[in-house]
Every structure is written in C-alpha cells, then in structure tokens.
Amino acid sequence: MSYDVPVAPGEKAEIEETTELSGESWPMWEVFVRARRGISHVHIGSLHAADAETALENARDVYTRRGEGVSVWVVRSSEVHAFEPEAAADYVEANEKVYRLATAYEIPEEVGQM
C-alpha cells in the first residue's frame, strides 16, 4: 500500500507501507514486558515481524530501550487465547463447588479421628 504525501507545493513524496517480506505477510506479535523481578508480565503493545527472533529484537528495541523492563515476551497474536469477562456467566463460582471444601465430606466412624 502506498500513500501520496505532499511535501511542498507542486511536489509529491510517496511513502510505502507494507507488512510483506518476500511475498509473505508479516504476522502480528503481542509484546509482554516485566518491569522488575517478582511481578507479572504486562501486555504493552503489538508489532509486525517476520519471525519470533525478529519480533523479540524489535520489541526489545521499541519497548525497553530506556531499561523499562527486565524480561520481554513475544507471542504470535493468533496464538493468544483469553478469557472474556462476559463469559463469566458460563462458569460456576469457586464457592459453589462444595466438593473442594473439607467440610463438605463426612468422616465415617470406622476412620476414627483425623
């Protein structure tokens, strides 16, 4: 895809924007960064890259160039699967699963004291 960008009266510059490498389109990668040890990785952005190695290098350059993170993860967007809060009605509350509680069971007399 290309755009015509006016640079001066009567002149045009053409800027080409593409996500293709040798005829193949670059997939989208999700970037997760951990700011310091002991905390979770946080989704910080997305980028296009040809492969995982390039995505990791680009993510490091773009999202941690000032030392904001100690760890960077990249995951292909198509491989990210998430739980949507709207789907919560389909799941049973943990408190409703009484079989998880020790008090939900009766100890037979033959067992004695536990």
PDB file of N, CA and C in Angstrom:
ATOM      1  N   MET A   1       0.849  -1.162   0.000  1.00  0.00           N
ATOM      2  CA  MET A   1       0.000   0.000   0.000  1.00  0.00           C
ATOM      3  C   MET A   1       0.898   1.229   0.000  1.00  0.00           C
ATOM      4  N   SER A   2       0.538   2.234  -0.750  1.00  0.00           N
ATOM      5  CA  SER A   2       1.336   3.449  -0.770  1.00  0.00           C
ATOM      6  C   SER A   2       0.432   4.656  -0.611  1.00  0.00           C
ATOM      7  N   TYR A   3       0.993   5.722  -0.073  1.00  0.00           N
ATOM      8  CA  TYR A   3       0.270   6.952   0.168  1.00  0.00           C
ATOM      9  C   TYR A   3       1.000   8.097  -0.521  1.00  0.00           C
ATOM     10  N   ASP A   4       0.247   9.063  -1.024  1.00  0.00           N
ATOM     11  CA  ASP A   4       0.849  10.277  -1.560  1.00  0.00           C
ATOM     12  C   ASP A   4       0.864  11.315  -0.456  1.00  0.00           C
ATOM     13  N   VAL A   5       2.037  11.806  -0.136  1.00  0.00           N
ATOM     14  CA  VAL A   5       2.201  12.785   0.933  1.00  0.00           C
ATOM     15  C   VAL A   5       2.759  14.066   0.341  1.00  0.00           C
ATOM     16  N   PRO A   6       1.998  15.167   0.394  1.00  0.00           N
ATOM     17  CA  PRO A   6       2.525  16.415  -0.146  1.00  0.00           C
ATOM     18  C   PRO A   6       3.679  16.931   0.713  1.00  0.00           C
ATOM     19  N   VAL A   7       4.796  17.290   0.080  1.00  0.00           N
ATOM     20  CA  VAL A   7       5.957  17.808   0.810  1.00  0.00           C
ATOM     21  C   VAL A   7       6.190  19.283   0.523  1.00  0.00           C
ATOM     22  N   ALA A   8       5.771  19.739  -0.616  1.00  0.00           N
ATOM     23  CA  ALA A   8       5.890  21.148  -0.990  1.00  0.00           C
ATOM     24  C   ALA A   8       4.887  21.413  -2.101  1.00  0.00           C
ATOM     25  N   PRO A   9       4.529  22.661  -2.297  1.00  0.00           N
ATOM     26  CA  PRO A   9       3.575  22.945  -3.373  1.00  0.00           C
ATOM     27  C   PRO A   9       4.087  22.412  -4.706  1.00  0.00           C
ATOM     28  N   GLY A  10       3.258  21.608  -5.349  1.00  0.00           N
ATOM     29  CA  GLY A  10       3.619  21.073  -6.648  1.00  0.00           C
ATOM     30  C   GLY A  10       4.468  19.817  -6.607  1.00  0.00           C
ATOM     31  N   GLU A  11       4.912  19.352  -5.430  1.00  0.00           N
ATOM     32  CA  GLU A  11       5.728  18.139  -5.320  1.00  0.00           C
ATOM     33  C   GLU A  11       4.988  17.085  -4.512  1.00  0.00           C
ATOM     34  N   LYS A  12       5.348  15.830  -4.768  1.00  0.00           N
ATOM     35  CA  LYS A  12       4.756  14.727  -4.012  1.00  0.00           C
ATOM     36  C   LYS A  12       5.861  13.756  -3.613  1.00  0.00           C
ATOM     37  N   ALA A  13       5.739  13.211  -2.409  1.00  0.00           N
ATOM     38  CA  ALA A  13       6.637  12.146  -1.950  1.00  0.00           C
ATOM     39  C   ALA A  13       5.774  10.922  -1.720  1.00  0.00           C
ATOM     40  N   GLU A  14       6.261   9.785  -2.092  1.00  0.00           N
ATOM     41  CA  GLU A  14       5.494   8.569  -1.922  1.00  0.00           C
ATOM     42  C   GLU A  14       6.096   7.754  -0.777  1.00  0.00           C
ATOM     43  N   ILE A  15       5.249   7.414   0.197  1.00  0.00           N
ATOM     44  CA  ILE A  15       5.683   6.596   1.329  1.00  0.00           C
ATOM     45  C   ILE A  15       5.027   5.235   1.159  1.00  0.00           C
ATOM     46  N   GLU A  16       5.829   4.207   1.217  1.00  0.00           N
ATOM     47  CA  GLU A  16       5.308   2.861   1.035  1.00  0.00           C
ATOM     48  C   GLU A  16       5.209   2.177   2.389  1.00  0.00           C
ATOM     49  N   GLU A  17       4.029   1.640   2.663  1.00  0.00           N
ATOM     50  CA  GLU A  17       3.816   0.929   3.916  1.00  0.00           C
ATOM     51  C   GLU A  17       3.442  -0.495   3.575  1.00  0.00           C
ATOM     52  N   THR A  18       4.197  -1.463   4.102  1.00  0.00           N
ATOM     53  CA  THR A  18       3.911  -2.854   3.786  1.00  0.00           C
ATOM     54  C   THR A  18       4.214  -3.733   4.986  1.00  0.00           C
ATOM     55  N   THR A  19       3.548  -4.852   5.033  1.00  0.00           N
ATOM     56  CA  THR A  19       3.838  -5.853   6.048  1.00  0.00           C
ATOM     57  C   THR A  19       4.236  -7.144   5.357  1.00  0.00           C
ATOM     58  N   GLU A  20       4.877  -7.013   4.204  1.00  0.00           N
ATOM     59  CA  GLU A  20       5.267  -8.190   3.437  1.00  0.00           C
ATOM     60  C   GLU A  20       6.780  -8.337   3.372  1.00  0.00           C
ATOM     61  N   LEU A  21       7.212  -9.579   3.425  1.00  0.00           N
ATOM     62  CA  LEU A  21       8.617  -9.921   3.283  1.00  0.00           C
ATOM     63  C   LEU A  21       8.682 -11.060   2.277  1.00  0.00           C
ATOM     64  N   SER A  22       9.311 -10.820   1.166  1.00  0.00           N
ATOM     65  CA  SER A  22       9.439 -11.793   0.074  1.00  0.00           C
ATOM     66  C   SER A  22       8.103 -12.442  -0.273  1.00  0.00           C
ATOM     67  N   GLY A  23       7.082 -11.605  -0.417  1.00  0.00           N
ATOM     68  CA  GLY A  23       5.785 -12.094  -0.835  1.00  0.00           C
ATOM     69  C   GLY A  23       4.895 -12.624   0.275  1.00  0.00           C
ATOM     70  N   GLU A  24       5.406 -12.773   1.493  1.00  0.00           N
ATOM     71  CA  GLU A  24       4.607 -13.264   2.604  1.00  0.00           C
ATOM     72  C   GLU A  24       4.304 -12.120   3.562  1.00  0.00           C
ATOM     73  N   SER A  25       3.101 -12.119   4.108  1.00  0.00           N
ATOM     74  CA  SER A  25       2.760 -11.051   5.042  1.00  0.00           C
ATOM     75  C   SER A  25       3.343 -11.370   6.423  1.00  0.00           C
ATOM     76  N   TRP A  26       3.718 -10.309   7.128  1.00  0.00           N
ATOM     77  CA  TRP A  26       4.290 -10.473   8.473  1.00  0.00           C
ATOM     78  C   TRP A  26       3.163 -10.609   9.475  1.00  0.00           C
ATOM     79  N   PRO A  27       3.236 -11.578  10.356  1.00  0.00           N
ATOM     80  CA  PRO A  27       2.189 -11.733  11.368  1.00  0.00           C
ATOM     81  C   PRO A  27       2.325 -10.692  12.480  1.00  0.00           C
ATOM     82  N   MET A  28       1.248 -10.489  13.193  1.00  0.00           N
ATOM     83  CA  MET A  28       1.227  -9.583  14.336  1.00  0.00           C
ATOM     84  C   MET A  28       1.715 -10.344  15.571  1.00  0.00           C
ATOM     85  N   TRP A  29       2.519  -9.695  16.391  1.00  0.00           N
ATOM     86  CA  TRP A  29       3.050 -10.267  17.627  1.00  0.00           C
ATOM     87  C   TRP A  29       2.626  -9.383  18.792  1.00  0.00           C
ATOM     88  N   GLU A  30       2.232 -10.003  19.900  1.00  0.00           N
ATOM     89  CA  GLU A  30       1.876  -9.274  21.122  1.00  0.00           C
ATOM     90  C   GLU A  30       3.106  -9.242  22.016  1.00  0.00           C
ATOM     91  N   VAL A  31       3.368  -8.099  22.619  1.00  0.00           N
ATOM     92  CA  VAL A  31       4.572  -7.896  23.430  1.00  0.00           C
ATOM     93  C   VAL A  31       4.185  -7.770  24.906  1.00  0.00           C
ATOM     94  N   PHE A  32       4.842  -8.556  25.746  1.00  0.00           N
ATOM     95  CA  PHE A  32       4.631  -8.528  27.191  1.00  0.00           C
ATOM     96  C   PHE A  32       5.964  -8.195  27.856  1.00  0.00           C
ATOM     97  N   VAL A  33       5.939  -7.262  28.803  1.00  0.00           N
ATOM     98  CA  VAL A  33       7.165  -6.822  29.477  1.00  0.00           C
ATOM     99  C   VAL A  33       6.986  -6.942  30.981  1.00  0.00           C
ATOM    100  N   ARG A  34       8.045  -7.390  31.661  1.00  0.00           N
ATOM    101  CA  ARG A  34       8.072  -7.417  33.125  1.00  0.00           C
ATOM    102  C   ARG A  34       9.007  -6.310  33.566  1.00  0.00           C
ATOM    103  N   ALA A  35       8.484  -5.360  34.319  1.00  0.00           N
ATOM    104  CA  ALA A  35       9.257  -4.179  34.706  1.00  0.00           C
ATOM    105  C   ALA A  35      10.386  -4.511  35.685  1.00  0.00           C
ATOM    106  N   ARG A  36      10.133  -5.414  36.611  1.00  0.00           N
ATOM    107  CA  ARG A  36      11.182  -5.815  37.566  1.00  0.00           C
ATOM    108  C   ARG A  36      10.870  -7.220  38.068  1.00  0.00           C
ATOM    109  N   ARG A  37      11.848  -7.837  38.646  1.00  0.00           N
ATOM    110  CA  ARG A  37      11.678  -9.211  39.115  1.00  0.00           C
ATOM    111  C   ARG A  37      10.603  -9.289  40.196  1.00  0.00           C
ATOM    112  N   GLY A  38       9.853 -10.382  40.173  1.00  0.00           N
ATOM    113  CA  GLY A  38       8.840 -10.599  41.189  1.00  0.00           C
ATOM    114  C   GLY A  38       7.449 -10.122  40.820  1.00  0.00           C
ATOM    115  N   ILE A  39       7.293  -9.461  39.678  1.00  0.00           N
ATOM    116  CA  ILE A  39       5.957  -9.052  39.255  1.00  0.00           C
ATOM    117  C   ILE A  39       5.625  -9.726  37.929  1.00  0.00           C
ATOM    118  N   SER A  40       4.384  -9.639  37.525  1.00  0.00           N
ATOM    119  CA  SER A  40       3.926 -10.308  36.309  1.00  0.00           C
ATOM    120  C   SER A  40       4.287  -9.537  35.051  1.00  0.00           C
ATOM    121  N   HIS A  41       4.336 -10.250  33.939  1.00  0.00           N
ATOM    122  CA  HIS A  41       4.489  -9.603  32.638  1.00  0.00           C
ATOM    123  C   HIS A  41       3.181  -8.881  32.314  1.00  0.00           C
ATOM    124  N   VAL A  42       3.279  -7.750  31.653  1.00  0.00           N
ATOM    125  CA  VAL A  42       2.119  -6.939  31.293  1.00  0.00           C
ATOM    126  C   VAL A  42       2.139  -6.705  29.792  1.00  0.00           C
ATOM    127  N   HIS A  43       0.969  -6.811  29.167  1.00  0.00           N
ATOM    128  CA  HIS A  43       0.878  -6.540  27.732  1.00  0.00           C
ATOM    129  C   HIS A  43       1.137  -5.061  27.512  1.00  0.00           C
ATOM    130  N   ILE A  44       2.087  -4.769  26.643  1.00  0.00           N
ATOM    131  CA  ILE A  44       2.498  -3.377  26.451  1.00  0.00           C
ATOM    132  C   ILE A  44       2.280  -2.886  25.025  1.00  0.00           C
ATOM    133  N   GLY A  45       2.075  -3.807  24.084  1.00  0.00           N
ATOM    134  CA  GLY A  45       1.843  -3.383  22.708  1.00  0.00           C
ATOM    135  C   GLY A  45       1.918  -4.534  21.730  1.00  0.00           C
ATOM    136  N   SER A  46       1.894  -4.165  20.449  1.00  0.00           N
ATOM    137  CA  SER A  46       1.925  -5.142  19.364  1.00  0.00           C
ATOM    138  C   SER A  46       2.872  -4.655  18.284  1.00  0.00           C
ATOM    139  N   LEU A  47       3.336  -5.590  17.467  1.00  0.00           N
ATOM    140  CA  LEU A  47       4.169  -5.225  16.325  1.00  0.00           C
ATOM    141  C   LEU A  47       4.121  -6.313  15.277  1.00  0.00           C
ATOM    142  N   HIS A  48       4.489  -5.970  14.051  1.00  0.00           N
ATOM    143  CA  HIS A  48       4.584  -6.937  12.963  1.00  0.00           C
ATOM    144  C   HIS A  48       6.037  -7.354  12.824  1.00  0.00           C
ATOM    145  N   ALA A  49       6.271  -8.636  12.604  1.00  0.00           N
ATOM    146  CA  ALA A  49       7.626  -9.136  12.374  1.00  0.00           C
ATOM    147  C   ALA A  49       7.545 -10.440  11.601  1.00  0.00           C
ATOM    148  N   ALA A  50       8.622 -10.743  10.901  1.00  0.00           N
ATOM    149  CA  ALA A  50       8.659 -11.941  10.063  1.00  0.00           C
ATOM    150  C   ALA A  50       8.719 -13.231  10.876  1.00  0.00           C
ATOM    151  N   ASP A  51       9.429 -13.211  12.008  1.00  0.00           N
ATOM    152  CA  ASP A  51       9.575 -14.409  12.826  1.00  0.00           C
ATOM    153  C   ASP A  51       9.754 -14.010  14.289  1.00  0.00           C
ATOM    154  N   ALA A  52       9.825 -15.023  15.174  1.00  0.00           N
ATOM    155  CA  ALA A  52       9.900 -14.766  16.610  1.00  0.00           C
ATOM    156  C   ALA A  52      11.176 -14.030  17.004  1.00  0.00           C
ATOM    157  N   GLU A  53      12.284 -14.393  16.400  1.00  0.00           N
ATOM    158  CA  GLU A  53      13.560 -13.750  16.731  1.00  0.00           C
ATOM    159  C   GLU A  53      13.528 -12.267  16.379  1.00  0.00           C
ATOM    160  N   THR A  54      13.024 -11.944  15.204  1.00  0.00           N
ATOM    161  CA  THR A  54      12.927 -10.546  14.787  1.00  0.00           C
ATOM    162  C   THR A  54      11.933  -9.798  15.663  1.00  0.00           C
ATOM    163  N   ALA A  55      10.819 -10.442  16.010  1.00  0.00           N
ATOM    164  CA  ALA A  55       9.826  -9.812  16.877  1.00  0.00           C
ATOM    165  C   ALA A  55      10.426  -9.484  18.237  1.00  0.00           C
ATOM    166  N   LEU A  56      11.213 -10.403  18.784  1.00  0.00           N
ATOM    167  CA  LEU A  56      11.842 -10.173  20.078  1.00  0.00           C
ATOM    168  C   LEU A  56      12.847  -9.032  20.015  1.00  0.00           C
ATOM    169  N   GLU A  57      13.659  -8.999  18.974  1.00  0.00           N
ATOM    170  CA  GLU A  57      14.629  -7.909  18.810  1.00  0.00           C
ATOM    171  C   GLU A  57      13.921  -6.565  18.672  1.00  0.00           C
ATOM    172  N   ASN A  58      12.883  -6.521  17.849  1.00  0.00           N
ATOM    173  CA  ASN A  58      12.146  -5.273  17.662  1.00  0.00           C
ATOM    174  C   ASN A  58      11.426  -4.840  18.933  1.00  0.00           C
ATOM    175  N   ALA A  59      10.848  -5.799  19.655  1.00  0.00           N
ATOM    176  CA  ALA A  59      10.159  -5.472  20.906  1.00  0.00           C
ATOM    177  C   ALA A  59      11.135  -4.904  21.926  1.00  0.00           C
ATOM    178  N   ARG A  60      12.315  -5.501  22.000  1.00  0.00           N
ATOM    179  CA  ARG A  60      13.336  -5.012  22.931  1.00  0.00           C
ATOM    180  C   ARG A  60      13.755  -3.594  22.562  1.00  0.00           C
ATOM    181  N   ASP A  61      13.933  -3.347  21.268  1.00  0.00           N
ATOM    182  CA  ASP A  61      14.338  -2.015  20.809  1.00  0.00           C
ATOM    183  C   ASP A  61      13.255  -0.969  21.044  1.00  0.00           C
ATOM    184  N   VAL A  62      12.010  -1.339  20.772  1.00  0.00           N
ATOM    185  CA  VAL A  62      10.917  -0.362  20.849  1.00  0.00           C
ATOM    186  C   VAL A  62      10.413  -0.161  22.270  1.00  0.00           C
ATOM    187  N   TYR A  63      10.222  -1.250  23.019  1.00  0.00           N
ATOM    188  CA  TYR A  63       9.534  -1.144  24.302  1.00  0.00           C
ATOM    189  C   TYR A  63      10.439  -1.121  25.532  1.00  0.00           C
ATOM    190  N   THR A  64      11.721  -1.434  25.387  1.00  0.00           N
ATOM    191  CA  THR A  64      12.590  -1.419  26.579  1.00  0.00           C
ATOM    192  C   THR A  64      13.884  -0.669  26.325  1.00  0.00           C
ATOM    193  N   ARG A  65      13.882   0.274  25.421  1.00  0.00           N
ATOM    194  CA  ARG A  65      15.119   0.977  25.071  1.00  0.00           C
ATOM    195  C   ARG A  65      15.664   1.842  26.201  1.00  0.00           C
ATOM    196  N   ARG A  66      14.816   2.207  27.151  1.00  0.00           N
ATOM    197  CA  ARG A  66      15.287   3.001  28.295  1.00  0.00           C
ATOM    198  C   ARG A  66      15.373   2.163  29.564  1.00  0.00           C
ATOM    199  N   GLY A  67      15.443   0.861  29.402  1.00  0.00           N
ATOM    200  CA  GLY A  67      15.600  -0.024  30.551  1.00  0.00           C
ATOM    201  C   GLY A  67      14.334  -0.202  31.360  1.00  0.00           C
ATOM    202  N   GLU A  68      13.152  -0.085  30.719  1.00  0.00           N
ATOM    203  CA  GLU A  68      11.889  -0.209  31.446  1.00  0.00           C
ATOM    204  C   GLU A  68      11.583  -1.642  31.869  1.00  0.00           C
ATOM    205  N   GLY A  69      12.254  -2.619  31.296  1.00  0.00           N
ATOM    206  CA  GLY A  69      11.901  -3.994  31.604  1.00  0.00           C
ATOM    207  C   GLY A  69      13.105  -4.887  31.804  1.00  0.00           C
ATOM    208  N   VAL A  70      12.891  -5.950  32.574  1.00  0.00           N
ATOM    209  CA  VAL A  70      13.949  -6.935  32.795  1.00  0.00           C
ATOM    210  C   VAL A  70      13.687  -8.211  31.999  1.00  0.00           C
ATOM    211  N   SER A  71      12.479  -8.328  31.442  1.00  0.00           N
ATOM    212  CA  SER A  71      12.121  -9.515  30.676  1.00  0.00           C
ATOM    213  C   SER A  71      11.094  -9.128  29.611  1.00  0.00           C
ATOM    214  N   VAL A  72      11.244  -9.689  28.411  1.00  0.00           N
ATOM    215  CA  VAL A  72      10.326  -9.413  27.306  1.00  0.00           C
ATOM    216  C   VAL A  72       9.851 -10.735  26.722  1.00  0.00           C
ATOM    217  N   TRP A  73       8.549 -10.854  26.523  1.00  0.00           N
ATOM    218  CA  TRP A  73       7.972 -11.999  25.842  1.00  0.00           C
ATOM    219  C   TRP A  73       7.287 -11.509  24.583  1.00  0.00           C
ATOM    220  N   VAL A  74       7.364 -12.272  23.504  1.00  0.00           N
ATOM    221  CA  VAL A  74       6.567 -12.013  22.306  1.00  0.00           C
ATOM    222  C   VAL A  74       5.775 -13.274  21.991  1.00  0.00           C
ATOM    223  N   VAL A  75       4.510 -13.085  21.651  1.00  0.00           N
ATOM    224  CA  VAL A  75       3.622 -14.198  21.337  1.00  0.00           C
ATOM    225  C   VAL A  75       2.856 -13.834  20.080  1.00  0.00           C
ATOM    226  N   ARG A  76       2.829 -14.753  19.129  1.00  0.00           N
ATOM    227  CA  ARG A  76       2.070 -14.501  17.910  1.00  0.00           C
ATOM    228  C   ARG A  76       0.604 -14.269  18.293  1.00  0.00           C
ATOM    229  N   SER A  77       0.014 -13.209  17.779  1.00  0.00           N
ATOM    230  CA  SER A  77      -1.360 -12.827  18.139  1.00  0.00           C
ATOM    231  C   SER A  77      -2.352 -13.961  17.923  1.00  0.00           C
ATOM    232  N   SER A  78      -2.147 -14.730  16.881  1.00  0.00           N
ATOM    233  CA  SER A  78      -3.073 -15.829  16.594  1.00  0.00           C
ATOM    234  C   SER A  78      -3.002 -16.928  17.645  1.00  0.00           C
ATOM    235  N   GLU A  79      -1.950 -16.950  18.450  1.00  0.00           N
ATOM    236  CA  GLU A  79      -1.775 -17.975  19.474  1.00  0.00           C
ATOM    237  C   GLU A  79      -2.243 -17.524  20.864  1.00  0.00           C
ATOM    238  N   VAL A  80      -2.712 -16.300  20.985  1.00  0.00           N
ATOM    239  CA  VAL A  80      -3.179 -15.789  22.275  1.00  0.00           C
ATOM    240  C   VAL A  80      -4.648 -16.157  22.434  1.00  0.00           C
ATOM    241  N   HIS A  81      -4.955 -16.839  23.509  1.00  0.00           N
ATOM    242  CA  HIS A  81      -6.331 -17.216  23.825  1.00  0.00           C
ATOM    243  C   HIS A  81      -6.645 -16.627  25.188  1.00  0.00           C
ATOM    244  N   ALA A  82      -7.774 -15.953  25.295  1.00  0.00           N
ATOM    245  CA  ALA A  82      -8.077 -15.240  26.532  1.00  0.00           C
ATOM    246  C   ALA A  82      -9.483 -15.544  27.017  1.00  0.00           C
ATOM    247  N   PHE A  83      -9.665 -15.365  28.288  1.00  0.00           N
ATOM    248  CA  PHE A  83     -10.969 -15.485  28.927  1.00  0.00           C
ATOM    249  C   PHE A  83     -11.620 -14.111  28.905  1.00  0.00           C
ATOM    250  N   GLU A  84     -12.808 -14.017  28.374  1.00  0.00           N
ATOM    251  CA  GLU A  84     -13.523 -12.755  28.315  1.00  0.00           C
ATOM    252  C   GLU A  84     -14.453 -12.649  29.520  1.00  0.00           C
ATOM    253  N   PRO A  85     -14.459 -11.509  30.208  1.00  0.00           N
ATOM    254  CA  PRO A  85     -15.317 -11.356  31.391  1.00  0.00           C
ATOM    255  C   PRO A  85     -16.793 -11.609  31.106  1.00  0.00           C
ATOM    256  N   GLU A  86     -17.249 -11.341  29.875  1.00  0.00           N
ATOM    257  CA  GLU A  86     -18.651 -11.573  29.521  1.00  0.00           C
ATOM    258  C   GLU A  86     -19.013 -13.053  29.624  1.00  0.00           C
ATOM    259  N   ALA A  87     -18.022 -13.929  29.493  1.00  0.00           N
ATOM    260  CA  ALA A  87     -18.273 -15.372  29.533  1.00  0.00           C
ATOM    261  C   ALA A  87     -18.321 -15.911  30.957  1.00  0.00           C
ATOM    262  N   ALA A  88     -18.184 -15.054  31.954  1.00  0.00           N
ATOM    263  CA  ALA A  88     -18.147 -15.492  33.343  1.00  0.00           C
ATOM    264  C   ALA A  88     -19.432 -16.194  33.755  1.00  0.00           C
ATOM    265  N   ALA A  89     -20.541 -15.860  33.143  1.00  0.00           N
ATOM    266  CA  ALA A  89     -21.815 -16.498  33.483  1.00  0.00           C
ATOM    267  C   ALA A  89     -21.795 -17.984  33.160  1.00  0.00           C
ATOM    268  N   ASP A  90     -20.930 -18.404  32.247  1.00  0.00           N
ATOM    269  CA  ASP A  90     -20.847 -19.813  31.863  1.00  0.00           C
ATOM    270  C   ASP A  90     -20.081 -20.659  32.869  1.00  0.00           C
ATOM    271  N   TYR A  91     -19.430 -20.032  33.819  1.00  0.00           N
ATOM    272  CA  TYR A  91     -18.604 -20.744  34.780  1.00  0.00           C
ATOM    273  C   TYR A  91     -19.230 -20.707  36.162  1.00  0.00           C
ATOM    274  N   VAL A  92     -19.014 -21.774  36.912  1.00  0.00           N
ATOM    275  CA  VAL A  92     -19.549 -21.868  38.265  1.00  0.00           C
ATOM    276  C   VAL A  92     -18.568 -21.189  39.215  1.00  0.00           C
ATOM    277  N   GLU A  93     -19.109 -20.429  40.127  1.00  0.00           N
ATOM    278  CA  GLU A  93     -18.267 -19.772  41.139  1.00  0.00           C
ATOM    279  C   GLU A  93     -17.508 -20.826  41.943  1.00  0.00           C
ATOM    280  N   ALA A  94     -16.298 -20.518  42.356  1.00  0.00           N
ATOM    281  CA  ALA A  94     -15.490 -21.454  43.136  1.00  0.00           C
ATOM    282  C   ALA A  94     -16.183 -21.807  44.446  1.00  0.00           C
ATOM    283  N   ASN A  95     -16.909 -20.863  45.027  1.00  0.00           N
ATOM    284  CA  ASN A  95     -17.601 -21.116  46.302  1.00  0.00           C
ATOM    285  C   ASN A  95     -18.765 -22.090  46.132  1.00  0.00           C
ATOM    286  N   GLU A  96     -19.262 -22.238  44.921  1.00  0.00           N
ATOM    287  CA  GLU A  96     -20.364 -23.158  44.669  1.00  0.00           C
ATOM    288  C   GLU A  96     -19.878 -24.596  44.498  1.00  0.00           C
ATOM    289  N   LYS A  97     -18.585 -24.806  44.419  1.00  0.00           N
ATOM    290  CA  LYS A  97     -18.012 -26.137  44.250  1.00  0.00           C
ATOM    291  C   LYS A  97     -17.676 -26.689  45.630  1.00  0.00           C
ATOM    292  N   VAL A  98     -18.704 -27.140  46.335  1.00  0.00           N
ATOM    293  CA  VAL A  98     -18.529 -27.566  47.721  1.00  0.00           C
ATOM    294  C   VAL A  98     -17.609 -28.773  47.863  1.00  0.00           C
ATOM    295  N   TYR A  99     -17.451 -29.559  46.806  1.00  0.00           N
ATOM    296  CA  TYR A  99     -16.582 -30.723  46.901  1.00  0.00           C
ATOM    297  C   TYR A  99     -15.127 -30.326  47.140  1.00  0.00           C
ATOM    298  N   ARG A 100     -14.804 -29.062  46.930  1.00  0.00           N
ATOM    299  CA  ARG A 100     -13.445 -28.592  47.171  1.00  0.00           C
ATOM    300  C   ARG A 100     -13.175 -28.320  48.658  1.00  0.00           C
ATOM    301  N   LEU A 101     -14.224 -28.230  49.430  1.00  0.00           N
ATOM    302  CA  LEU A 101     -14.076 -27.901  50.845  1.00  0.00           C
ATOM    303  C   LEU A 101     -14.065 -29.172  51.685  1.00  0.00           C
ATOM    304  N   ALA A 102     -13.192 -29.221  52.661  1.00  0.00           N
ATOM    305  CA  ALA A 102     -13.108 -30.391  53.541  1.00  0.00           C
ATOM    306  C   ALA A 102     -14.385 -30.566  54.349  1.00  0.00           C
ATOM    307  N   THR A 103     -15.075 -29.501  54.630  1.00  0.00           N
ATOM    308  CA  THR A 103     -16.303 -29.581  55.430  1.00  0.00           C
ATOM    309  C   THR A 103     -17.458 -30.203  54.654  1.00  0.00           C
ATOM    310  N   ALA A 104     -17.315 -30.418  53.368  1.00  0.00           N
ATOM    311  CA  ALA A 104     -18.382 -30.994  52.555  1.00  0.00           C
ATOM    312  C   ALA A 104     -18.462 -32.510  52.704  1.00  0.00           C
ATOM    313  N   TYR A 105     -17.498 -33.118  53.373  1.00  0.00           N
ATOM    314  CA  TYR A 105     -17.453 -34.565  53.499  1.00  0.00           C
ATOM    315  C   TYR A 105     -17.639 -34.977  54.953  1.00  0.00           C
ATOM    316  N   GLU A 106     -18.285 -36.103  55.113  1.00  0.00           N
ATOM    317  CA  GLU A 106     -18.451 -36.665  56.455  1.00  0.00           C
ATOM    318  C   GLU A 106     -17.441 -37.786  56.633  1.00  0.00           C
ATOM    319  N   ILE A 107     -16.785 -37.814  57.770  1.00  0.00           N
ATOM    320  CA  ILE A 107     -15.787 -38.845  58.067  1.00  0.00           C
ATOM    321  C   ILE A 107     -16.517 -40.059  58.651  1.00  0.00           C
ATOM    322  N   PRO A 108     -16.361 -41.238  58.026  1.00  0.00           N
ATOM    323  CA  PRO A 108     -17.014 -42.441  58.566  1.00  0.00           C
ATOM    324  C   PRO A 108     -16.477 -42.773  59.954  1.00  0.00           C
ATOM    325  N   GLU A 109     -17.298 -43.377  60.783  1.00  0.00           N
ATOM    326  CA  GLU A 109     -16.889 -43.725  62.149  1.00  0.00           C
ATOM    327  C   GLU A 109     -15.706 -44.688  62.169  1.00  0.00           C
ATOM    328  N   GLU A 110     -15.619 -45.579  61.163  1.00  0.00           N
ATOM    329  CA  GLU A 110     -14.511 -46.531  61.144  1.00  0.00           C
ATOM    330  C   GLU A 110     -13.153 -45.865  60.985  1.00  0.00           C
ATOM    331  N   VAL A 111     -13.134 -44.686  60.423  1.00  0.00           N
ATOM    332  CA  VAL A 111     -11.863 -43.982  60.227  1.00  0.00           C
ATOM    333  C   VAL A 111     -11.318 -43.494  61.549  1.00  0.00           C
ATOM    334  N   GLY A 112     -12.182 -43.119  62.425  1.00  0.00           N
ATOM    335  CA  GLY A 112     -11.727 -42.587  63.710  1.00  0.00           C
ATOM    336  C   GLY A 112     -11.463 -41.110  63.624  1.00  0.00           C
ATOM    337  N   GLN A 113     -10.412 -40.719  64.283  1.00  0.00           N
ATOM    338  CA  GLN A 113     -10.091 -39.290  64.325  1.00  0.00           C
ATOM    339  C   GLN A 113      -9.115 -38.923  63.227  1.00  0.00           C
ATOM    340  N   MET A 114      -9.333 -37.809  62.589  1.00  0.00           N
ATOM    341  CA  MET A 114      -8.414 -37.342  61.542  1.00  0.00           C
ATOM    342  C   MET A 114      -7.745 -36.073  61.984  1.00  0.00           C
TER     343      MET A 114
END
